[in-house]
Protein backbone atom coordinates (compact mmCIF):
# COMPACT_ATOMS: atom_id res chain seq x y z
CA MET A 1 2.51 -26.51 25.82
CA LYS A 2 4.32 -24.57 23.10
CA TYR A 3 3.29 -21.15 21.87
CA ASP A 4 4.39 -19.88 18.48
CA VAL A 5 4.28 -16.11 18.88
CA ILE A 6 4.80 -15.68 15.13
CA GLN A 7 1.00 -16.05 14.95
CA ALA A 8 0.71 -12.76 16.82
CA LEU A 9 1.98 -10.96 13.72
CA GLU A 10 -0.23 -9.86 10.85
CA PRO A 11 -0.12 -12.28 7.86
CA ALA A 12 1.88 -9.81 5.76
CA SER A 13 4.41 -9.36 8.59
CA GLN A 14 4.70 -13.11 9.06
CA ASN A 15 5.50 -13.49 5.39
CA LEU A 16 8.08 -10.68 5.39
CA TYR A 17 9.77 -11.85 8.61
CA GLY A 18 9.93 -15.37 7.20
CA LYS A 19 11.67 -14.18 4.03
CA HIS A 20 14.19 -12.10 6.00
CA TRP A 21 14.93 -15.04 8.31
CA GLU A 22 15.46 -17.49 5.43
CA GLN A 23 17.77 -14.99 3.72
CA PHE A 24 19.80 -14.63 6.90
CA LYS A 25 20.07 -18.40 7.38
CA SER A 26 21.30 -18.79 3.80
CA PHE A 27 23.95 -16.14 4.40
CA LEU A 28 25.13 -17.86 7.60
CA LYS A 29 25.43 -21.20 5.81
CA GLU A 30 27.07 -19.96 2.63
CA TYR A 31 29.52 -17.37 3.95
CA LEU A 32 30.06 -18.03 7.67
CA TYR A 33 29.49 -21.81 7.73
CA LYS A 34 27.13 -21.50 10.65
CA LYS A 35 23.66 -22.75 11.48
CA ALA A 36 20.59 -20.78 12.53
CA TYR A 37 20.64 -19.27 16.02
CA SER A 38 24.45 -19.52 16.23
CA ALA A 39 25.31 -16.02 15.01
CA THR A 40 27.22 -13.56 17.19
CA SER A 41 27.02 -9.77 17.14
CA GLU A 42 30.16 -9.77 14.99
CA ASP A 43 28.43 -12.06 12.49
CA LEU A 44 25.45 -9.73 12.39
CA ALA A 45 27.74 -6.78 11.69
CA VAL A 46 29.14 -8.67 8.70
CA TYR A 47 25.59 -9.39 7.54
CA VAL A 48 24.61 -5.73 7.85
CA ALA A 49 27.64 -4.75 5.74
CA HIS A 50 26.61 -7.41 3.20
CA LEU A 51 23.08 -5.99 2.94
CA ASP A 52 24.42 -2.47 2.48
CA ASN A 53 26.75 -3.68 -0.30
CA THR A 54 23.70 -5.03 -2.17
CA GLY A 55 22.18 -1.53 -2.19
CA ILE A 56 19.60 -2.00 0.55
CA LYS A 57 18.80 1.16 2.48
CA SER A 58 19.39 1.45 6.21
CA ALA A 59 15.68 1.55 7.03
CA THR A 60 15.17 -1.75 5.22
CA ILE A 61 18.22 -3.25 6.95
CA ARG A 62 16.58 -2.37 10.26
CA GLY A 63 13.58 -4.39 9.13
CA HIS A 64 15.83 -7.39 8.47
CA LEU A 65 17.31 -7.06 11.94
CA SER A 66 13.85 -6.81 13.52
CA ALA A 67 12.93 -10.11 11.91
CA ILE A 68 16.14 -11.80 13.08
CA SER A 69 15.67 -10.43 16.59
CA PHE A 70 12.10 -11.72 16.65
CA TYR A 71 13.16 -15.27 15.80
CA TYR A 72 15.87 -15.27 18.46
CA LYS A 73 13.50 -13.97 21.12
CA ASN A 74 10.92 -16.54 20.08
CA LYS A 75 13.48 -19.20 21.09
CA TYR A 76 14.24 -17.40 24.37
CA LEU A 77 17.73 -16.66 23.08
CA PRO A 78 19.66 -13.42 23.54
CA THR A 79 19.44 -11.45 20.30
CA PRO A 80 22.76 -10.61 18.61
CA THR A 81 21.24 -7.67 16.74
CA GLU A 82 21.63 -5.15 19.54
CA SER A 83 25.23 -4.06 19.66
CA PHE A 84 27.25 -0.85 19.56
CA HIS A 85 28.91 -1.70 16.24
CA ILE A 86 25.67 -2.54 14.45
CA SER A 87 24.06 0.66 15.71
CA LYS A 88 26.96 2.75 14.41
CA LEU A 89 27.00 0.93 11.08
CA LEU A 90 23.32 1.74 10.56
CA THR A 91 23.88 5.36 11.51
CA SER A 92 26.73 5.57 9.03
CA TYR A 93 24.76 3.94 6.22
CA SER A 94 21.74 6.19 6.80
CA LYS A 95 23.89 9.22 6.02
CA THR A 96 24.65 7.92 2.53
CA ASP A 97 21.11 6.79 1.69
CA SER A 98 19.43 8.79 -1.03
CA PRO A 99 16.57 10.91 0.31
CA PRO A 100 13.12 9.31 0.06
CA ALA A 101 10.99 10.43 -2.86
CA ILE A 102 8.32 12.94 -1.90
CA ARG A 103 5.16 11.82 -3.63
CA LYS A 104 2.73 14.54 -4.57
CA PRO A 105 -1.01 14.16 -4.02
CA ILE A 106 -3.54 13.48 -6.73
CA THR A 107 -6.15 16.10 -5.92
CA ARG A 108 -9.74 16.32 -7.16
CA LYS A 109 -8.56 18.64 -9.92
CA ILE A 110 -5.88 16.21 -11.09
CA LEU A 111 -8.37 13.33 -10.89
CA GLU A 112 -10.68 15.22 -13.26
CA GLN A 113 -7.76 15.80 -15.64
CA LEU A 114 -6.82 12.10 -15.59
CA ILE A 115 -10.38 11.10 -16.41
CA THR A 116 -10.52 13.60 -19.28
CA ALA A 117 -7.21 12.28 -20.61
CA LEU A 118 -8.64 8.75 -20.67
CA LYS A 119 -11.08 9.83 -23.36
CA ILE A 120 -8.41 11.14 -25.73
CA GLN A 121 -5.60 8.66 -25.07
CA GLY A 122 -7.00 5.85 -27.21
CA PHE A 123 -8.47 3.61 -24.50
CA THR A 124 -11.52 1.46 -25.22
CA ILE A 125 -14.91 2.38 -23.75
CA TYR A 126 -14.52 -0.46 -21.25
CA GLU A 127 -11.07 0.73 -20.17
CA GLN A 128 -12.25 4.33 -19.86
CA THR A 129 -15.21 3.32 -17.71
CA MET A 130 -13.27 0.84 -15.58
CA LEU A 131 -10.29 3.15 -14.97
CA THR A 132 -12.56 6.10 -14.17
CA ALA A 133 -14.27 4.00 -11.50
CA LEU A 134 -10.93 2.63 -10.28
CA PHE A 135 -9.23 6.01 -9.91
CA SER A 136 -12.20 7.72 -8.29
CA LEU A 137 -12.72 4.89 -5.79
CA MET A 138 -9.01 4.68 -5.00
CA GLN A 139 -9.12 8.34 -4.05
CA TYR A 140 -12.44 8.55 -2.20
CA ALA A 141 -11.92 5.26 -0.34
CA LEU A 142 -8.14 5.81 0.11
CA LEU A 143 -7.49 2.37 -1.39
CA ARG A 144 -4.07 0.80 -1.77
CA ILE A 145 -2.97 -0.63 -5.11
CA GLY A 146 -2.86 -4.15 -3.62
CA GLU A 147 -6.55 -3.82 -2.73
CA VAL A 148 -7.71 -3.31 -6.32
CA THR A 149 -5.23 -5.44 -8.30
CA GLU A 150 -3.77 -8.93 -8.33
CA SER A 151 -1.06 -9.18 -5.67
CA LYS A 152 1.00 -11.73 -3.78
CA ASN A 153 -1.38 -11.40 -0.86
CA ASN A 154 -4.75 -12.07 -2.46
CA ASN A 155 -6.45 -11.70 0.92
CA HIS A 156 -6.17 -7.93 0.41
CA LYS A 157 -7.70 -7.84 -3.07
CA LEU A 158 -11.30 -6.65 -2.98
CA LYS A 159 -13.87 -9.01 -4.45
CA SER A 160 -16.92 -7.79 -6.32
CA LYS A 161 -19.20 -9.01 -3.54
CA GLN A 162 -17.37 -6.80 -1.03
CA ILE A 163 -18.54 -3.60 -2.74
CA SER A 164 -22.25 -2.79 -2.71
CA LEU A 165 -24.10 0.20 -4.10
CA SER A 166 -27.41 1.64 -2.89
CA GLU A 167 -28.45 4.67 -4.92
CA HIS A 168 -32.24 4.44 -4.62
CA THR A 169 -32.42 5.73 -1.06
CA SER A 170 -32.65 9.11 0.62
CA LYS A 171 -28.91 8.87 1.26
CA PRO A 172 -27.13 7.06 -1.62
CA GLU A 173 -23.92 5.34 -0.60
CA LEU A 174 -21.31 2.84 -1.66
CA THR A 175 -20.24 0.33 0.99
CA ILE A 176 -16.95 -1.56 1.09
CA THR A 177 -16.75 -4.52 3.46
CA PHE A 178 -13.09 -5.31 4.08
CA SER A 179 -12.03 -8.82 5.01
CA PHE A 180 -8.33 -8.02 5.28
CA PHE A 181 -6.05 -5.10 4.58
CA LYS A 182 -2.57 -4.02 5.60
CA HIS A 183 -2.26 -4.11 9.42
CA SER A 184 -5.94 -5.06 9.69
CA LYS A 185 -7.41 -6.58 12.82
CA PRO A 186 -10.45 -8.82 13.30
CA GLY A 187 -13.80 -7.10 13.14
CA ASN A 188 -13.12 -4.57 10.38
CA GLN A 189 -15.84 -1.99 10.06
CA PRO A 190 -17.47 -1.42 6.65
CA MET A 191 -16.59 1.80 4.87
CA CYS A 192 -19.48 3.91 3.57
CA ILE A 193 -18.90 6.52 0.88
CA THR A 194 -21.59 9.08 0.12
CA LYS A 195 -22.13 11.17 -2.98
CA PRO A 196 -19.75 14.17 -2.98
CA ASP A 197 -21.07 17.70 -3.34
CA ARG A 198 -19.07 18.25 -6.52
CA GLY A 199 -16.54 16.62 -8.78
CA THR A 200 -16.36 13.01 -9.94
CA CYS A 201 -18.84 10.82 -8.10
CA PRO A 202 -17.43 7.40 -7.11
CA LEU A 203 -20.95 5.99 -6.82
CA ALA A 204 -21.90 6.93 -10.37
CA THR A 205 -18.60 5.84 -11.89
CA TYR A 206 -18.72 2.47 -10.13
CA ARG A 207 -22.33 1.93 -11.23
CA ASP A 208 -21.40 2.66 -14.86
CA TYR A 209 -18.46 0.25 -14.62
CA CYS A 210 -20.61 -2.54 -13.15
CA LEU A 211 -22.96 -2.29 -16.16
CA LEU A 212 -20.04 -3.18 -18.46
CA ARG A 213 -18.12 -5.55 -16.19
CA PRO A 214 -18.25 -9.29 -16.96
CA THR A 215 -21.02 -11.17 -15.16
CA LYS A 216 -20.22 -12.28 -11.62
CA PRO A 217 -16.46 -11.68 -11.57
CA LYS A 218 -14.59 -12.64 -8.43
CA ALA A 219 -12.37 -9.54 -8.37
CA ALA A 220 -13.97 -6.12 -8.03
CA PHE A 221 -11.83 -4.68 -10.84
CA THR A 222 -11.09 -6.76 -13.91
CA TYR A 223 -10.00 -6.61 -17.52
CA GLN A 224 -12.76 -7.03 -20.06
CA ASP A 225 -12.12 -10.80 -20.15
CA GLY A 226 -12.88 -11.05 -16.44
CA ASN A 227 -9.32 -11.58 -15.22
CA PRO A 228 -8.23 -9.37 -12.30
CA LEU A 229 -6.17 -6.27 -12.95
CA HIS A 230 -2.43 -6.28 -12.36
CA ALA A 231 -0.65 -3.46 -10.56
CA THR A 232 1.80 -3.00 -13.43
CA TYR A 233 -1.08 -2.17 -15.78
CA VAL A 234 -2.47 0.45 -13.40
CA ARG A 235 0.94 2.03 -12.76
CA THR A 236 1.83 2.12 -16.47
CA THR A 237 -1.53 3.65 -17.35
CA LEU A 238 -1.22 6.26 -14.61
CA THR A 239 2.23 7.22 -15.94
CA GLN A 240 0.83 7.64 -19.46
CA LEU A 241 -2.02 9.83 -18.27
CA LEU A 242 0.17 12.01 -16.04
CA THR A 243 2.48 12.60 -18.98
CA ARG A 244 -0.54 13.49 -21.12
CA ILE A 245 -1.64 16.22 -18.69
CA ASP A 246 1.93 17.59 -18.41
CA LEU A 247 2.74 16.33 -14.92
CA ASP A 248 6.01 14.60 -14.05
CA PRO A 249 5.17 10.91 -13.41
CA SER A 250 8.17 10.59 -11.08
CA ASP A 251 6.37 12.90 -8.63
CA TYR A 252 3.39 10.56 -8.31
CA ASN A 253 2.48 6.93 -7.77
CA THR A 254 -0.65 4.97 -6.87
CA HIS A 255 -0.31 6.12 -3.24
CA SER A 256 -0.87 9.67 -4.49
CA PHE A 257 -4.62 8.97 -4.46
CA ARG A 258 -4.45 8.29 -0.70
CA ILE A 259 -2.22 11.31 -0.18
CA GLY A 260 -4.64 13.55 -2.05
CA ARG A 261 -7.71 12.41 -0.16
CA ALA A 262 -6.03 12.54 3.26
CA SER A 263 -4.77 16.06 2.56
CA ASP A 264 -8.20 17.10 1.29
CA LYS A 265 -9.82 15.89 4.50
CA TRP A 266 -7.22 17.75 6.57
CA ARG A 267 -7.94 20.94 4.62
CA LYS A 268 -11.67 20.55 5.28
CA GLY A 269 -11.08 20.35 9.02
CA TYR A 270 -11.52 16.63 9.70
CA THR A 271 -10.02 15.47 12.98
CA ASP A 272 -6.93 13.28 13.18
CA ILE A 273 -9.08 10.33 14.27
CA GLN A 274 -11.48 10.80 11.34
CA ILE A 275 -8.62 10.92 8.84
CA ALA A 276 -6.92 7.86 10.37
CA MET A 277 -10.19 5.90 10.29
CA ALA A 278 -10.89 6.89 6.66
CA GLY A 279 -7.49 5.57 5.57
CA ARG A 280 -7.59 2.62 7.99
CA TRP A 281 -4.38 3.73 9.67
CA THR A 282 -3.78 2.26 13.13
CA SER A 283 -0.84 4.52 13.93
CA ALA A 284 0.34 8.07 13.32
CA ALA A 285 1.59 7.03 9.87
CA TYR A 286 -1.29 8.95 8.30
CA LYS A 287 0.50 12.22 9.12
CA LYS A 288 3.06 11.44 6.41
CA TYR A 289 0.23 11.54 3.88
CA ILE A 290 -1.00 15.02 4.74
CA LYS A 291 0.81 17.46 2.48
CA PRO A 292 -1.15 20.70 2.24
CA GLN A 293 2.03 22.65 1.51
CA ILE A 294 2.32 21.16 -1.99
CA ILE A 295 -1.34 21.03 -2.92
CA LYS A 296 -2.96 23.40 -5.38
CA PHE A 297 -6.72 22.95 -5.03
């Protein structure tokens, strides 16, 4: 009986590993005249140099090597990726990589400013209402851009039926039932968001948006014609609004909503486990999102 351990990876990882492997096989065939699984450590060193010459950073090159190593191990073959020369090449390349951009958080205060700017930037009533709901929910639910817009992996995009609102109870809440998300595992728990004590209310803004949204859309967030939003539209709009409120757009991106909420929870004294669960992090990666040192509440 054969076991394909590639199925042990998350769907997104399977897709990425597959792309890296196909790219490596093409390189072997075109430049080294070799077939898959025939590469030596010397060949891998040449491939690493090739990737660096194309402008790929060392951290991303390591991801390519992880994929190649995985495929070799899956065939019970010794991996050629682990060698002295490759290790030193990566160390050398990492020293010349440009430093990673430090994204600033979108705090509650900035969120309020963005929403105000929507009203004076020339957007339609539908766009104002939809984007207000989108931005507030992205922050309060720590949503990723691929979860609210059209993406290559449509399994991650939230559908309208996955978000429910119950306001006529003693404890109003908005519930998101995730099917899949980045690094998700079977049996995802629903996320419940309650009405905040102050500031923009994600329950109210989502309710207002649903009153204007086309009838029975598949995607949770859509254009007025019912088609799902695209990430480029959201990023471009966010850039326009940040410029309008005199903030440098290069300091922020759509992840800044997650950064802001995670940092806000840290400031309020939430535990590490509570913060990780809120952002659906399964590792210590959430710590990179907590940036109280650059927040002005």
